[in-house]
């Protein structure tokens, strides 16, 4: 499944790479919300997908932080 592969890729990354990806996903979410507000967004389901990806990234970051302690 697509999401399982994405989570495996996240687990393979370092904390710094995860933070970079988190920042990029948040920027993308901001841009999508801005496009939606100005009626320029065609695929509104992308907002939900990016929000879930942000949650996945944060979950992996938290799990790695707990293992490090």
N, C-alpha and C. Protein backbone atom coordinates (compact mmCIF):
# COMPACT_ATOMS: atom_id res chain seq x y z
N UNK A 1 0.84 -1.19 0.00
CA UNK A 1 0.00 0.00 0.00
C UNK A 1 0.88 1.24 0.00
N UNK A 2 0.36 2.30 -0.55
CA UNK A 2 1.13 3.53 -0.74
C UNK A 2 1.54 4.18 0.58
N UNK A 3 0.64 4.24 1.54
CA UNK A 3 0.95 4.92 2.80
C UNK A 3 1.98 4.14 3.61
N UNK A 4 1.93 2.81 3.56
CA UNK A 4 2.91 2.01 4.30
C UNK A 4 4.32 2.28 3.77
N UNK A 5 4.44 2.38 2.46
CA UNK A 5 5.74 2.66 1.86
C UNK A 5 6.23 4.05 2.26
N UNK A 6 5.30 5.01 2.32
CA UNK A 6 5.66 6.38 2.72
C UNK A 6 6.15 6.40 4.17
N UNK A 7 5.49 5.66 5.04
CA UNK A 7 5.90 5.61 6.45
C UNK A 7 7.25 4.92 6.59
N UNK A 8 7.49 3.89 5.79
CA UNK A 8 8.80 3.23 5.82
C UNK A 8 9.90 4.19 5.38
N UNK A 9 9.62 5.00 4.37
CA UNK A 9 10.58 6.00 3.92
C UNK A 9 10.85 7.02 5.03
N UNK A 10 9.80 7.42 5.74
CA UNK A 10 9.97 8.37 6.85
C UNK A 10 10.83 7.77 7.95
N UNK A 11 10.62 6.51 8.25
CA UNK A 11 11.39 5.85 9.31
C UNK A 11 12.86 5.77 8.97
N UNK A 12 13.18 5.72 7.68
CA UNK A 12 14.57 5.60 7.24
C UNK A 12 15.31 6.93 7.30
N UNK A 13 14.58 8.04 7.43
CA UNK A 13 15.21 9.36 7.41
C UNK A 13 15.70 9.76 8.80
N UNK A 14 16.65 10.71 8.79
CA UNK A 14 17.16 11.24 10.06
C UNK A 14 16.21 12.31 10.59
N UNK A 15 16.46 12.74 11.81
CA UNK A 15 15.60 13.76 12.43
C UNK A 15 15.66 15.07 11.66
N UNK A 16 16.83 15.44 11.17
CA UNK A 16 16.97 16.69 10.42
C UNK A 16 16.19 16.62 9.10
N UNK A 17 16.28 15.47 8.43
CA UNK A 17 15.53 15.30 7.17
C UNK A 17 14.03 15.34 7.43
N UNK A 18 13.60 14.75 8.55
CA UNK A 18 12.18 14.76 8.89
C UNK A 18 11.70 16.19 9.16
N UNK A 19 12.52 16.97 9.86
CA UNK A 19 12.14 18.36 10.12
C UNK A 19 12.04 19.16 8.83
N UNK A 20 12.95 18.92 7.89
CA UNK A 20 12.89 19.60 6.60
C UNK A 20 11.61 19.22 5.85
N UNK A 21 11.28 17.93 5.88
CA UNK A 21 10.08 17.47 5.20
C UNK A 21 8.82 18.04 5.86
N UNK A 22 8.85 18.17 7.19
CA UNK A 22 7.72 18.74 7.91
C UNK A 22 7.50 20.20 7.51
N UNK A 23 8.58 20.96 7.43
CA UNK A 23 8.48 22.36 7.02
C UNK A 23 7.93 22.47 5.60
N UNK A 24 8.42 21.60 4.71
CA UNK A 24 7.96 21.62 3.32
C UNK A 24 6.47 21.27 3.24
N UNK A 25 6.04 20.29 4.03
CA UNK A 25 4.63 19.89 4.01
C UNK A 25 3.74 21.01 4.56
N UNK A 26 4.20 21.70 5.58
CA UNK A 26 3.42 22.81 6.13
C UNK A 26 3.31 23.95 5.14
N UNK A 27 4.39 24.21 4.40
CA UNK A 27 4.34 25.25 3.36
C UNK A 27 3.36 24.85 2.26
N UNK A 28 3.39 23.57 1.88
CA UNK A 28 2.47 23.09 0.86
C UNK A 28 1.02 23.23 1.33
N UNK A 29 0.77 22.88 2.59
CA UNK A 29 -0.58 23.01 3.14
C UNK A 29 -1.04 24.46 3.11
N UNK A 30 -0.15 25.37 3.49
CA UNK A 30 -0.50 26.79 3.46
C UNK A 30 -0.87 27.21 2.04
N UNK A 31 -0.05 26.81 1.07
CA UNK A 31 -0.33 27.18 -0.32
C UNK A 31 -1.64 26.58 -0.82
N UNK A 32 -1.92 25.34 -0.44
CA UNK A 32 -3.17 24.71 -0.84
C UNK A 32 -4.37 25.43 -0.24
N UNK A 33 -4.27 25.80 1.04
CA UNK A 33 -5.37 26.51 1.69
C UNK A 33 -5.57 27.88 1.06
N UNK A 34 -4.49 28.53 0.68
CA UNK A 34 -4.57 29.84 0.03
C UNK A 34 -5.26 29.69 -1.33
N UNK A 35 -4.87 28.68 -2.10
CA UNK A 35 -5.48 28.43 -3.40
C UNK A 35 -6.97 28.10 -3.25
N UNK A 36 -7.30 27.36 -2.20
CA UNK A 36 -8.70 27.00 -1.97
C UNK A 36 -9.53 28.24 -1.66
N UNK A 37 -8.97 29.15 -0.89
CA UNK A 37 -9.69 30.36 -0.51
C UNK A 37 -9.93 31.27 -1.72
N UNK A 38 -9.01 31.22 -2.68
CA UNK A 38 -9.16 32.06 -3.87
C UNK A 38 -9.78 31.30 -5.05
N UNK A 39 -10.35 30.13 -4.77
CA UNK A 39 -11.03 29.29 -5.76
C UNK A 39 -10.13 28.90 -6.93
N UNK A 40 -8.86 28.68 -6.67
CA UNK A 40 -7.93 28.23 -7.71
C UNK A 40 -7.55 26.76 -7.56
N UNK A 41 -8.01 26.12 -6.50
CA UNK A 41 -7.61 24.74 -6.22
C UNK A 41 -8.57 23.78 -6.92
N UNK A 42 -8.00 22.87 -7.72
CA UNK A 42 -8.82 21.90 -8.43
C UNK A 42 -9.05 20.64 -7.60
N UNK A 43 -7.98 20.16 -6.96
CA UNK A 43 -8.04 18.90 -6.22
C UNK A 43 -8.08 19.20 -4.72
N UNK A 44 -9.27 19.35 -4.16
CA UNK A 44 -9.39 19.72 -2.75
C UNK A 44 -9.02 18.56 -1.82
N UNK A 45 -9.03 17.34 -2.31
CA UNK A 45 -8.66 16.21 -1.46
C UNK A 45 -7.17 16.23 -1.11
N UNK A 46 -6.40 16.99 -1.85
CA UNK A 46 -4.95 17.11 -1.58
C UNK A 46 -4.72 17.73 -0.20
N UNK A 47 -5.60 18.64 0.24
CA UNK A 47 -5.47 19.27 1.56
C UNK A 47 -5.50 18.19 2.65
N UNK A 48 -6.47 17.30 2.56
CA UNK A 48 -6.61 16.24 3.54
C UNK A 48 -5.40 15.32 3.52
N UNK A 49 -4.90 15.01 2.34
CA UNK A 49 -3.75 14.13 2.19
C UNK A 49 -2.50 14.75 2.82
N UNK A 50 -2.29 16.05 2.60
CA UNK A 50 -1.12 16.73 3.16
C UNK A 50 -1.23 16.81 4.68
N UNK A 51 -2.43 17.08 5.19
CA UNK A 51 -2.61 17.13 6.65
C UNK A 51 -2.27 15.79 7.28
N UNK A 52 -2.68 14.69 6.65
CA UNK A 52 -2.36 13.36 7.18
C UNK A 52 -0.88 13.07 7.10
N UNK A 53 -0.23 13.54 6.02
CA UNK A 53 1.21 13.35 5.90
C UNK A 53 1.95 14.12 6.99
N UNK A 54 1.48 15.32 7.31
CA UNK A 54 2.09 16.11 8.39
C UNK A 54 1.96 15.33 9.71
N UNK A 55 0.80 14.75 9.95
CA UNK A 55 0.60 13.97 11.17
C UNK A 55 1.52 12.75 11.20
N UNK A 56 1.71 12.10 10.04
CA UNK A 56 2.60 10.95 9.98
C UNK A 56 4.04 11.35 10.29
N UNK A 57 4.47 12.47 9.72
CA UNK A 57 5.84 12.95 9.96
C UNK A 57 6.03 13.26 11.44
N UNK A 58 5.06 13.94 12.04
CA UNK A 58 5.17 14.29 13.45
C UNK A 58 5.18 13.05 14.33
N UNK A 59 4.42 12.04 13.95
CA UNK A 59 4.40 10.79 14.70
C UNK A 59 5.76 10.11 14.67
N UNK A 60 6.39 10.07 13.50
CA UNK A 60 7.71 9.46 13.37
C UNK A 60 8.74 10.25 14.17
N UNK A 61 8.66 11.58 14.12
CA UNK A 61 9.59 12.41 14.89
C UNK A 61 9.46 12.12 16.38
N UNK A 62 8.22 12.03 16.87
CA UNK A 62 7.98 11.74 18.28
C UNK A 62 8.50 10.37 18.67
N UNK A 63 8.26 9.38 17.81
CA UNK A 63 8.73 8.02 18.09
C UNK A 63 10.25 7.98 18.16
N UNK A 64 10.92 8.67 17.24
CA UNK A 64 12.39 8.69 17.25
C UNK A 64 12.92 9.42 18.48
N UNK A 65 12.22 10.45 18.93
CA UNK A 65 12.64 11.19 20.12
C UNK A 65 12.52 10.31 21.37
N UNK A 66 11.48 9.49 21.44
CA UNK A 66 11.30 8.61 22.60
C UNK A 66 12.36 7.52 22.62
N UNK A 67 12.73 7.02 21.45
CA UNK A 67 13.77 5.98 21.37
C UNK A 67 15.12 6.56 21.78
N UNK A 68 15.36 7.82 21.42
CA UNK A 68 16.64 8.45 21.73
C UNK A 68 16.83 8.68 23.23
N UNK A 69 15.73 8.82 23.96
CA UNK A 69 15.83 9.08 25.41
C UNK A 69 16.01 7.83 26.21
